[in-house]
Amino acid sequence: MMRRSYILMDRLSSFPRPEDLRRVLDTVRACGYDGIELNLTEPFGFDIGLLERWLSETGLVVPSFLTGEAYFDGLCLSSPDAEVRRRTVARLAGYTAAAERFHAVLVVGLLQGRRSDEPDTERARARIVQGLRGLARAAEARGVEVVVEPVNHLQVGFHNSVAEVRELIRQVGADSIRPMVDTVHMNIEEASLTQPILDCGAALRHVHLCESNGGRFGSGHIDFKAVLGALRRIEYHGFVSVKVYRLLDLPEAARSSIEYLRGLEAN
């Protein structure tokens, strides 16, 4: 059975008072979610022990950590600067400690970089492979899995389609590196919302569900019913994380999204 989580887009450090985050956790749990996906930053930005306690009290888990915020710290896997690449791998390797502590996967997408970071595609891809091999060693030492997110070409310069990510993972050659899918990026890059899921099959490790306009589920043209059907066909039992980043506040986004998904499952 697929489990649902909600993606908290804000940094943990953005909450002025700890109680504000607790209210978010309570809201997400009250809506019926099983988990909450969080952004990793350096420093973590919150009392990690307090977060663990509140997760235990609410019954939520952290199935995955996003890592893209590190790009805005000047880090990038495809950078021409070897020192930048070294620090990027070191940052990601450091993140595996939090992933191990929360039994979460690490999501790598934006840290691949943009064409403005490295216009030469082949050089960029070779650097990304090398960087992910270094990350894989750190992840395997802690028993952590890393998923590579295929992000659309308007946001990331490389490995935009699911097929390209699968080929990247083949070149990395590490069992700890797995593919994931995100419906908003698939909507831009793929001819089908279901075939890439079927192509991943049992290798698929994580899923983001997001409407084509980033807003309320059902207000765009993502065929979520077909996507969920494809996930059932491959017997996917991991988390599907709801992502809403436009037009709605968090309580309404969390509530309306899960109600929409429940409605699809009931029909």
C-alpha atoms as a PDB file:
ATOM      1  CA  MET A   1       0.000   0.000   0.000  1.00  0.00           C
ATOM      2  CA  MET A   2       1.323   3.426  -0.941  1.00  0.00           C
ATOM      3  CA  ARG A   3       1.858   5.874   1.892  1.00  0.00           C
ATOM      4  CA  ARG A   4       1.392   9.624   1.581  1.00  0.00           C
ATOM      5  CA  SER A   5       3.607  12.436   2.762  1.00  0.00           C
ATOM      6  CA  TYR A   6       3.426  16.203   2.405  1.00  0.00           C
ATOM      7  CA  ILE A   7       6.366  18.292   1.197  1.00  0.00           C
ATOM      8  CA  LEU A   8       7.187  21.230   3.430  1.00  0.00           C
ATOM      9  CA  MET A   9       8.749  23.715   1.015  1.00  0.00           C
ATOM     10  CA  ASP A  10      10.081  26.077   3.718  1.00  0.00           C
ATOM     11  CA  ARG A  11      13.443  25.727   5.416  1.00  0.00           C
ATOM     12  CA  LEU A  12      13.195  24.594   9.019  1.00  0.00           C
ATOM     13  CA  SER A  13      15.096  27.744   9.990  1.00  0.00           C
ATOM     14  CA  SER A  14      12.274  29.895   8.560  1.00  0.00           C
ATOM     15  CA  PHE A  15       9.966  29.129  11.492  1.00  0.00           C
ATOM     16  CA  PRO A  16      10.257  31.998  13.998  1.00  0.00           C
ATOM     17  CA  ARG A  17       9.088  29.801  16.882  1.00  0.00           C
ATOM     18  CA  PRO A  18       9.355  26.030  17.321  1.00  0.00           C
ATOM     19  CA  GLU A  19       5.627  25.872  18.055  1.00  0.00           C
ATOM     20  CA  ASP A  20       4.910  27.033  14.504  1.00  0.00           C
ATOM     21  CA  LEU A  21       6.485  23.868  13.114  1.00  0.00           C
ATOM     22  CA  ARG A  22       4.592  21.738  15.633  1.00  0.00           C
ATOM     23  CA  ARG A  23       1.326  23.201  14.320  1.00  0.00           C
ATOM     24  CA  VAL A  24       2.370  22.258  10.785  1.00  0.00           C
ATOM     25  CA  LEU A  25       3.070  18.683  11.877  1.00  0.00           C
ATOM     26  CA  ASP A  26      -0.277  18.497  13.663  1.00  0.00           C
ATOM     27  CA  THR A  27      -2.070  19.828  10.571  1.00  0.00           C
ATOM     28  CA  VAL A  28      -0.378  17.369   8.233  1.00  0.00           C
ATOM     29  CA  ARG A  29      -1.157  14.449  10.528  1.00  0.00           C
ATOM     30  CA  ALA A  30      -4.770  15.549  11.071  1.00  0.00           C
ATOM     31  CA  CYS A  31      -5.275  15.558   7.299  1.00  0.00           C
ATOM     32  CA  GLY A  32      -4.272  11.891   7.218  1.00  0.00           C
ATOM     33  CA  TYR A  33      -0.694  11.955   5.944  1.00  0.00           C
ATOM     34  CA  ASP A  34       1.857   9.395   7.091  1.00  0.00           C
ATOM     35  CA  GLY A  35       4.938  11.550   6.641  1.00  0.00           C
ATOM     36  CA  ILE A  36       6.415  14.959   5.947  1.00  0.00           C
ATOM     37  CA  GLU A  37       9.224  15.624   3.466  1.00  0.00           C
ATOM     38  CA  LEU A  38      11.719  18.254   4.600  1.00  0.00           C
ATOM     39  CA  ASN A  39      14.485  20.454   3.183  1.00  0.00           C
ATOM     40  CA  LEU A  40      17.986  19.718   4.447  1.00  0.00           C
ATOM     41  CA  THR A  41      20.232  22.711   5.043  1.00  0.00           C
ATOM     42  CA  GLU A  42      23.558  23.383   6.742  1.00  0.00           C
ATOM     43  CA  PRO A  43      23.101  24.098   9.569  1.00  0.00           C
ATOM     44  CA  PHE A  44      19.971  21.973  10.100  1.00  0.00           C
ATOM     45  CA  GLY A  45      18.071  24.999  11.368  1.00  0.00           C
ATOM     46  CA  PHE A  46      16.065  23.306  14.112  1.00  0.00           C
ATOM     47  CA  ASP A  47      16.556  21.349  17.310  1.00  0.00           C
ATOM     48  CA  ILE A  48      16.865  17.873  15.820  1.00  0.00           C
ATOM     49  CA  GLY A  49      15.997  16.134  19.082  1.00  0.00           C
ATOM     50  CA  LEU A  50      12.821  18.194  19.422  1.00  0.00           C
ATOM     51  CA  LEU A  51      11.863  17.371  15.845  1.00  0.00           C
ATOM     52  CA  GLU A  52      12.335  13.665  16.537  1.00  0.00           C
ATOM     53  CA  ARG A  53      10.147  13.891  19.632  1.00  0.00           C
ATOM     54  CA  TRP A  54       7.380  15.725  17.812  1.00  0.00           C
ATOM     55  CA  LEU A  55       7.456  13.264  14.925  1.00  0.00           C
ATOM     56  CA  SER A  56       7.086  10.426  17.429  1.00  0.00           C
ATOM     57  CA  GLU A  57       4.198  12.186  19.174  1.00  0.00           C
ATOM     58  CA  THR A  58       2.351  12.896  15.917  1.00  0.00           C
ATOM     59  CA  GLY A  59       3.087   9.503  14.357  1.00  0.00           C
ATOM     60  CA  LEU A  60       4.716  11.092  11.307  1.00  0.00           C
ATOM     61  CA  VAL A  61       7.932   9.971   9.652  1.00  0.00           C
ATOM     62  CA  VAL A  62      10.360  11.747   7.313  1.00  0.00           C
ATOM     63  CA  PRO A  63      10.507   9.528   4.224  1.00  0.00           C
ATOM     64  CA  SER A  64      12.858  11.817   2.320  1.00  0.00           C
ATOM     65  CA  PHE A  65      14.991  14.933   2.509  1.00  0.00           C
ATOM     66  CA  LEU A  66      15.320  17.481  -0.286  1.00  0.00           C
ATOM     67  CA  THR A  67      18.861  18.770  -0.877  1.00  0.00           C
ATOM     68  CA  GLY A  68      18.391  21.482  -3.521  1.00  0.00           C
ATOM     69  CA  GLU A  69      18.729  24.408  -1.105  1.00  0.00           C
ATOM     70  CA  ALA A  70      22.489  23.773  -1.099  1.00  0.00           C
ATOM     71  CA  TYR A  71      22.631  25.027  -4.703  1.00  0.00           C
ATOM     72  CA  PHE A  72      21.927  28.514  -3.379  1.00  0.00           C
ATOM     73  CA  ASP A  73      24.957  28.122  -1.130  1.00  0.00           C
ATOM     74  CA  GLY A  74      27.051  27.975  -4.306  1.00  0.00           C
ATOM     75  CA  LEU A  75      27.280  24.190  -4.521  1.00  0.00           C
ATOM     76  CA  CYS A  76      26.928  22.265  -7.786  1.00  0.00           C
ATOM     77  CA  LEU A  77      27.928  18.801  -9.019  1.00  0.00           C
ATOM     78  CA  SER A  78      28.670  19.979 -12.578  1.00  0.00           C
ATOM     79  CA  SER A  79      30.692  23.085 -11.683  1.00  0.00           C
ATOM     80  CA  PRO A  80      33.956  23.631 -13.622  1.00  0.00           C
ATOM     81  CA  ASP A  81      35.553  24.411 -10.256  1.00  0.00           C
ATOM     82  CA  ALA A  82      36.889  21.190  -8.738  1.00  0.00           C
ATOM     83  CA  GLU A  83      36.758  22.673  -5.238  1.00  0.00           C
ATOM     84  CA  VAL A  84      33.055  23.488  -5.637  1.00  0.00           C
ATOM     85  CA  ARG A  85      32.411  19.920  -6.755  1.00  0.00           C
ATOM     86  CA  ARG A  86      34.393  18.561  -3.814  1.00  0.00           C
ATOM     87  CA  ARG A  87      32.415  20.677  -1.348  1.00  0.00           C
ATOM     88  CA  THR A  88      29.142  19.625  -2.986  1.00  0.00           C
ATOM     89  CA  VAL A  89      29.893  15.936  -2.555  1.00  0.00           C
ATOM     90  CA  ALA A  90      31.096  16.601   0.989  1.00  0.00           C
ATOM     91  CA  ARG A  91      27.848  18.434   1.815  1.00  0.00           C
ATOM     92  CA  LEU A  92      25.735  15.618   0.409  1.00  0.00           C
ATOM     93  CA  ALA A  93      27.861  13.019   2.198  1.00  0.00           C
ATOM     94  CA  GLY A  94      27.294  14.960   5.411  1.00  0.00           C
ATOM     95  CA  TYR A  95      23.560  14.867   4.806  1.00  0.00           C
ATOM     96  CA  THR A  96      23.619  11.071   4.904  1.00  0.00           C
ATOM     97  CA  ALA A  97      23.920  11.287   8.706  1.00  0.00           C
ATOM     98  CA  ALA A  98      20.486  12.939   8.948  1.00  0.00           C
ATOM     99  CA  ALA A  99      19.088  10.514   6.381  1.00  0.00           C
ATOM    100  CA  GLU A 100      20.340   7.574   8.441  1.00  0.00           C
ATOM    101  CA  ARG A 101      18.961   9.053  11.666  1.00  0.00           C
ATOM    102  CA  PHE A 102      15.467   9.492  10.193  1.00  0.00           C
ATOM    103  CA  HIS A 103      15.555   6.398   7.927  1.00  0.00           C
ATOM    104  CA  ALA A 104      15.004   8.724   4.963  1.00  0.00           C
ATOM    105  CA  VAL A 105      16.203   8.856   1.368  1.00  0.00           C
ATOM    106  CA  LEU A 106      18.111  11.842  -0.047  1.00  0.00           C
ATOM    107  CA  VAL A 107      16.662  13.572  -3.104  1.00  0.00           C
ATOM    108  CA  VAL A 108      19.235  15.012  -5.527  1.00  0.00           C
ATOM    109  CA  GLY A 109      17.947  17.193  -8.365  1.00  0.00           C
ATOM    110  CA  LEU A 110      18.880  20.873  -8.559  1.00  0.00           C
ATOM    111  CA  LEU A 111      22.416  20.168  -7.314  1.00  0.00           C
ATOM    112  CA  GLN A 112      23.210  18.698 -10.728  1.00  0.00           C
ATOM    113  CA  GLY A 113      23.404  22.301 -11.880  1.00  0.00           C
ATOM    114  CA  ARG A 114      22.245  24.411 -14.795  1.00  0.00           C
ATOM    115  CA  ARG A 115      23.610  24.982 -18.283  1.00  0.00           C
ATOM    116  CA  SER A 116      24.927  28.293 -17.023  1.00  0.00           C
ATOM    117  CA  ASP A 117      27.125  26.325 -14.618  1.00  0.00           C
ATOM    118  CA  GLU A 118      28.581  24.177 -17.401  1.00  0.00           C
ATOM    119  CA  PRO A 119      27.475  24.652 -21.034  1.00  0.00           C
ATOM    120  CA  ASP A 120      29.276  21.481 -22.182  1.00  0.00           C
ATOM    121  CA  THR A 121      26.749  18.686 -21.601  1.00  0.00           C
ATOM    122  CA  GLU A 122      29.210  15.804 -21.779  1.00  0.00           C
ATOM    123  CA  ARG A 123      31.614  17.402 -19.317  1.00  0.00           C
ATOM    124  CA  ALA A 124      28.751  18.167 -16.951  1.00  0.00           C
ATOM    125  CA  ARG A 125      27.377  14.652 -17.110  1.00  0.00           C
ATOM    126  CA  ALA A 126      30.795  13.112 -16.474  1.00  0.00           C
ATOM    127  CA  ARG A 127      31.239  15.314 -13.399  1.00  0.00           C
ATOM    128  CA  ILE A 128      27.783  14.411 -12.105  1.00  0.00           C
ATOM    129  CA  VAL A 129      28.565  10.700 -12.484  1.00  0.00           C
ATOM    130  CA  GLN A 130      31.826  11.164 -10.594  1.00  0.00           C
ATOM    131  CA  GLY A 131      30.126  13.144  -7.844  1.00  0.00           C
ATOM    132  CA  LEU A 132      27.349  10.615  -7.402  1.00  0.00           C
ATOM    133  CA  ARG A 133      29.887   7.807  -7.146  1.00  0.00           C
ATOM    134  CA  GLY A 134      31.489   9.653  -4.256  1.00  0.00           C
ATOM    135  CA  LEU A 135      28.106  10.212  -2.642  1.00  0.00           C
ATOM    136  CA  ALA A 136      27.192   6.558  -3.168  1.00  0.00           C
ATOM    137  CA  ARG A 137      30.199   5.442  -1.124  1.00  0.00           C
ATOM    138  CA  ALA A 138      29.148   7.652   1.791  1.00  0.00           C
ATOM    139  CA  ALA A 139      25.514   6.559   1.481  1.00  0.00           C
ATOM    140  CA  GLU A 140      26.355   2.872   1.392  1.00  0.00           C
ATOM    141  CA  ALA A 141      28.513   3.227   4.507  1.00  0.00           C
ATOM    142  CA  ARG A 142      25.414   4.412   6.384  1.00  0.00           C
ATOM    143  CA  GLY A 143      22.867   2.178   4.670  1.00  0.00           C
ATOM    144  CA  VAL A 144      21.204   5.212   3.038  1.00  0.00           C
ATOM    145  CA  GLU A 145      19.602   5.413  -0.402  1.00  0.00           C
ATOM    146  CA  VAL A 146      19.826   8.397  -2.752  1.00  0.00           C
ATOM    147  CA  VAL A 147      17.222   9.158  -5.409  1.00  0.00           C
ATOM    148  CA  VAL A 148      17.931  11.284  -8.471  1.00  0.00           C
ATOM    149  CA  GLU A 149      15.026  13.496  -9.461  1.00  0.00           C
ATOM    150  CA  PRO A 150      14.481  14.156 -13.187  1.00  0.00           C
ATOM    151  CA  VAL A 151      13.903  17.938 -13.119  1.00  0.00           C
ATOM    152  CA  ASN A 152      12.627  19.784 -16.190  1.00  0.00           C
ATOM    153  CA  HIS A 153      15.054  21.621 -18.501  1.00  0.00           C
ATOM    154  CA  LEU A 154      13.801  25.041 -17.377  1.00  0.00           C
ATOM    155  CA  GLN A 155      15.233  24.431 -13.900  1.00  0.00           C
ATOM    156  CA  VAL A 156      18.108  21.956 -14.293  1.00  0.00           C
ATOM    157  CA  GLY A 157      20.514  21.575 -17.184  1.00  0.00           C
ATOM    158  CA  PHE A 158      21.017  17.810 -17.243  1.00  0.00           C
ATOM    159  CA  HIS A 159      19.216  14.460 -16.988  1.00  0.00           C
ATOM    160  CA  ASN A 160      15.755  15.990 -17.359  1.00  0.00           C
ATOM    161  CA  SER A 161      13.837  12.881 -18.382  1.00  0.00           C
ATOM    162  CA  VAL A 162      13.323   9.672 -16.444  1.00  0.00           C
ATOM    163  CA  ALA A 163      15.178   7.737 -19.154  1.00  0.00           C
ATOM    164  CA  GLU A 164      18.186  10.067 -18.831  1.00  0.00           C
ATOM    165  CA  VAL A 165      18.217   9.607 -15.063  1.00  0.00           C
ATOM    166  CA  ARG A 166      18.030   5.844 -15.437  1.00  0.00           C
ATOM    167  CA  GLU A 167      21.018   5.952 -17.793  1.00  0.00           C
ATOM    168  CA  LEU A 168      22.889   8.192 -15.337  1.00  0.00           C
ATOM    169  CA  ILE A 169      22.251   5.670 -12.570  1.00  0.00           C
ATOM    170  CA  ARG A 170      23.494   2.863 -14.811  1.00  0.00           C
ATOM    171  CA  GLN A 171      26.733   4.773 -15.376  1.00  0.00           C
ATOM    172  CA  VAL A 172      27.170   5.470 -11.655  1.00  0.00           C
ATOM    173  CA  GLY A 173      26.814   1.747 -11.031  1.00  0.00           C
ATOM    174  CA  ALA A 174      25.829   1.872  -7.357  1.00  0.00           C
ATOM    175  CA  ASP A 175      22.890   0.060  -5.779  1.00  0.00           C
ATOM    176  CA  SER A 176      22.331   2.972  -3.385  1.00  0.00           C
ATOM    177  CA  ILE A 177      21.400   5.367  -6.233  1.00  0.00           C
ATOM    178  CA  ARG A 178      17.806   4.945  -7.420  1.00  0.00           C
ATOM    179  CA  PRO A 179      15.354   6.782  -9.716  1.00  0.00           C
ATOM    180  CA  MET A 180      12.307   8.796  -8.685  1.00  0.00           C
ATOM    181  CA  VAL A 181       9.578  10.627 -10.601  1.00  0.00           C
ATOM    182  CA  ASP A 182       7.828  13.972 -10.181  1.00  0.00           C
ATOM    183  CA  THR A 183       4.611  14.561 -12.128  1.00  0.00           C
ATOM    184  CA  VAL A 184       5.124  18.302 -12.688  1.00  0.00           C
ATOM    185  CA  HIS A 185       8.500  17.661 -14.338  1.00  0.00           C
ATOM    186  CA  MET A 186       7.191  14.651 -16.256  1.00  0.00           C
ATOM    187  CA  ASN A 187       4.420  16.884 -17.599  1.00  0.00           C
ATOM    188  CA  ILE A 188       7.095  18.997 -19.305  1.00  0.00           C
ATOM    189  CA  GLU A 189       9.641  16.374 -20.322  1.00  0.00           C
ATOM    190  CA  GLU A 190       7.742  13.165 -21.040  1.00  0.00           C
ATOM    191  CA  ALA A 191       5.376  12.023 -23.789  1.00  0.00           C
ATOM    192  CA  SER A 192       3.614   9.823 -21.216  1.00  0.00           C
ATOM    193  CA  LEU A 193       2.967  10.131 -17.494  1.00  0.00           C
ATOM    194  CA  THR A 194       2.776   6.369 -17.067  1.00  0.00           C
ATOM    195  CA  GLN A 195       5.376   4.723 -19.329  1.00  0.00           C
ATOM    196  CA  PRO A 196       8.391   6.151 -17.444  1.00  0.00           C
ATOM    197  CA  ILE A 197       6.947   4.698 -14.224  1.00  0.00           C
ATOM    198  CA  LEU A 198       6.511   1.320 -15.858  1.00  0.00           C
ATOM    199  CA  ASP A 199      10.047   1.533 -17.261  1.00  0.00           C
ATOM    200  CA  CYS A 200      11.451   2.123 -13.760  1.00  0.00           C
ATOM    201  CA  GLY A 201       9.530  -0.845 -12.397  1.00  0.00           C
ATOM    202  CA  ALA A 202      10.828  -2.203  -9.110  1.00  0.00           C
ATOM    203  CA  ALA A 203      13.787   0.236  -9.150  1.00  0.00           C
ATOM    204  CA  LEU A 204      11.490   3.218  -8.490  1.00  0.00           C
ATOM    205  CA  ARG A 205      12.192   4.511  -4.980  1.00  0.00           C
ATOM    206  CA  HIS A 206      10.265   7.761  -4.515  1.00  0.00           C
ATOM    207  CA  VAL A 207       7.430   9.800  -6.079  1.00  0.00           C
ATOM    208  CA  HIS A 208       6.390  13.461  -6.038  1.00  0.00           C
ATOM    209  CA  LEU A 209       2.803  14.252  -6.982  1.00  0.00           C
ATOM    210  CA  CYS A 210       2.325  17.825  -8.202  1.00  0.00           C
ATOM    211  CA  GLU A 211      -0.308  19.441 -10.399  1.00  0.00           C
ATOM    212  CA  SER A 212       0.789  20.886 -13.752  1.00  0.00           C
ATOM    213  CA  ASN A 213       0.312  24.435 -12.456  1.00  0.00           C
ATOM    214  CA  GLY A 214       1.795  23.761  -9.016  1.00  0.00           C
ATOM    215  CA  GLY A 215      -1.544  24.499  -7.368  1.00  0.00           C
ATOM    216  CA  ARG A 216      -4.671  22.695  -6.202  1.00  0.00           C
ATOM    217  CA  PHE A 217      -4.941  19.094  -7.354  1.00  0.00           C
ATOM    218  CA  GLY A 218      -7.512  18.936 -10.148  1.00  0.00           C
ATOM    219  CA  SER A 219      -6.961  22.529 -11.257  1.00  0.00           C
ATOM    220  CA  GLY A 220      -4.455  21.510 -13.951  1.00  0.00           C
ATOM    221  CA  HIS A 221      -4.226  18.599 -16.352  1.00  0.00           C
ATOM    222  CA  ILE A 222      -2.164  15.922 -14.583  1.00  0.00           C
ATOM    223  CA  ASP A 223      -3.959  12.582 -14.841  1.00  0.00           C
ATOM    224  CA  PHE A 224      -3.304  11.504 -11.265  1.00  0.00           C
ATOM    225  CA  LYS A 225      -5.585   8.487 -11.611  1.00  0.00           C
ATOM    226  CA  ALA A 226      -3.417   7.123 -14.426  1.00  0.00           C
ATOM    227  CA  VAL A 227      -0.240   7.843 -12.449  1.00  0.00           C
ATOM    228  CA  LEU A 228      -1.549   6.013  -9.373  1.00  0.00           C
ATOM    229  CA  GLY A 229      -2.666   3.160 -11.592  1.00  0.00           C
ATOM    230  CA  ALA A 230       0.833   2.826 -13.056  1.00  0.00           C
ATOM    231  CA  LEU A 231       2.305   2.796  -9.541  1.00  0.00           C
ATOM    232  CA  ARG A 232      -0.045  -0.018  -8.581  1.00  0.00           C
ATOM    233  CA  ARG A 233       0.942  -1.950 -11.707  1.00  0.00           C
ATOM    234  CA  ILE A 234       4.602  -1.972 -10.655  1.00  0.00           C
ATOM    235  CA  GLU A 235       3.529  -2.793  -7.074  1.00  0.00           C
ATOM    236  CA  TYR A 236       5.073   0.382  -5.702  1.00  0.00           C
ATOM    237  CA  HIS A 237       4.783   0.446  -1.903  1.00  0.00           C
ATOM    238  CA  GLY A 238       6.855   3.522  -1.080  1.00  0.00           C
ATOM    239  CA  PHE A 239       5.814   7.077  -0.328  1.00  0.00           C
ATOM    240  CA  VAL A 240       4.071   9.484  -2.660  1.00  0.00           C
ATOM    241  CA  SER A 241       4.809  13.046  -1.544  1.00  0.00           C
ATOM    242  CA  VAL A 242       2.281  15.788  -2.259  1.00  0.00           C
ATOM    243  CA  LYS A 243       3.806  19.028  -3.542  1.00  0.00           C
ATOM    244  CA  VAL A 244       1.808  22.270  -3.725  1.00  0.00           C
ATOM    245  CA  TYR A 245       3.807  25.463  -4.142  1.00  0.00           C
ATOM    246  CA  ARG A 246       1.332  27.992  -5.558  1.00  0.00           C
ATOM    247  CA  LEU A 247      -1.953  29.696  -4.719  1.00  0.00           C
ATOM    248  CA  LEU A 248      -2.905  27.841  -1.504  1.00  0.00           C
ATOM    249  CA  ASP A 249      -1.809  28.108   2.104  1.00  0.00           C
ATOM    250  CA  LEU A 250      -0.480  24.944   3.718  1.00  0.00           C
ATOM    251  CA  PRO A 251      -3.621  23.827   5.621  1.00  0.00           C
ATOM    252  CA  GLU A 252      -5.813  24.126   2.535  1.00  0.00           C
ATOM    253  CA  ALA A 253      -3.200  22.596   0.247  1.00  0.00           C
ATOM    254  CA  ALA A 254      -2.674  19.600   2.530  1.00  0.00           C
ATOM    255  CA  ARG A 255      -6.394  19.024   3.103  1.00  0.00           C
ATOM    256  CA  SER A 256      -7.579  19.471  -0.478  1.00  0.00           C
ATOM    257  CA  SER A 257      -4.799  17.330  -1.945  1.00  0.00           C
ATOM    258  CA  ILE A 258      -5.444  14.289   0.203  1.00  0.00           C
ATOM    259  CA  GLU A 259      -9.192  14.596  -0.307  1.00  0.00           C
ATOM    260  CA  TYR A 260      -8.633  14.668  -4.066  1.00  0.00           C
ATOM    261  CA  LEU A 261      -6.435  11.564  -3.956  1.00  0.00           C
ATOM    262  CA  ARG A 262      -8.925   9.720  -1.751  1.00  0.00           C
ATOM    263  CA  GLY A 263     -11.662  10.582  -4.229  1.00  0.00           C
ATOM    264  CA  LEU A 264      -9.661   9.040  -7.068  1.00  0.00           C
ATOM    265  CA  GLU A 265      -9.089   5.853  -5.081  1.00  0.00           C
ATOM    266  CA  ALA A 266     -12.793   5.582  -4.250  1.00  0.00           C
ATOM    267  CA  ASN A 267     -13.824   5.650  -7.928  1.00  0.00           C
END
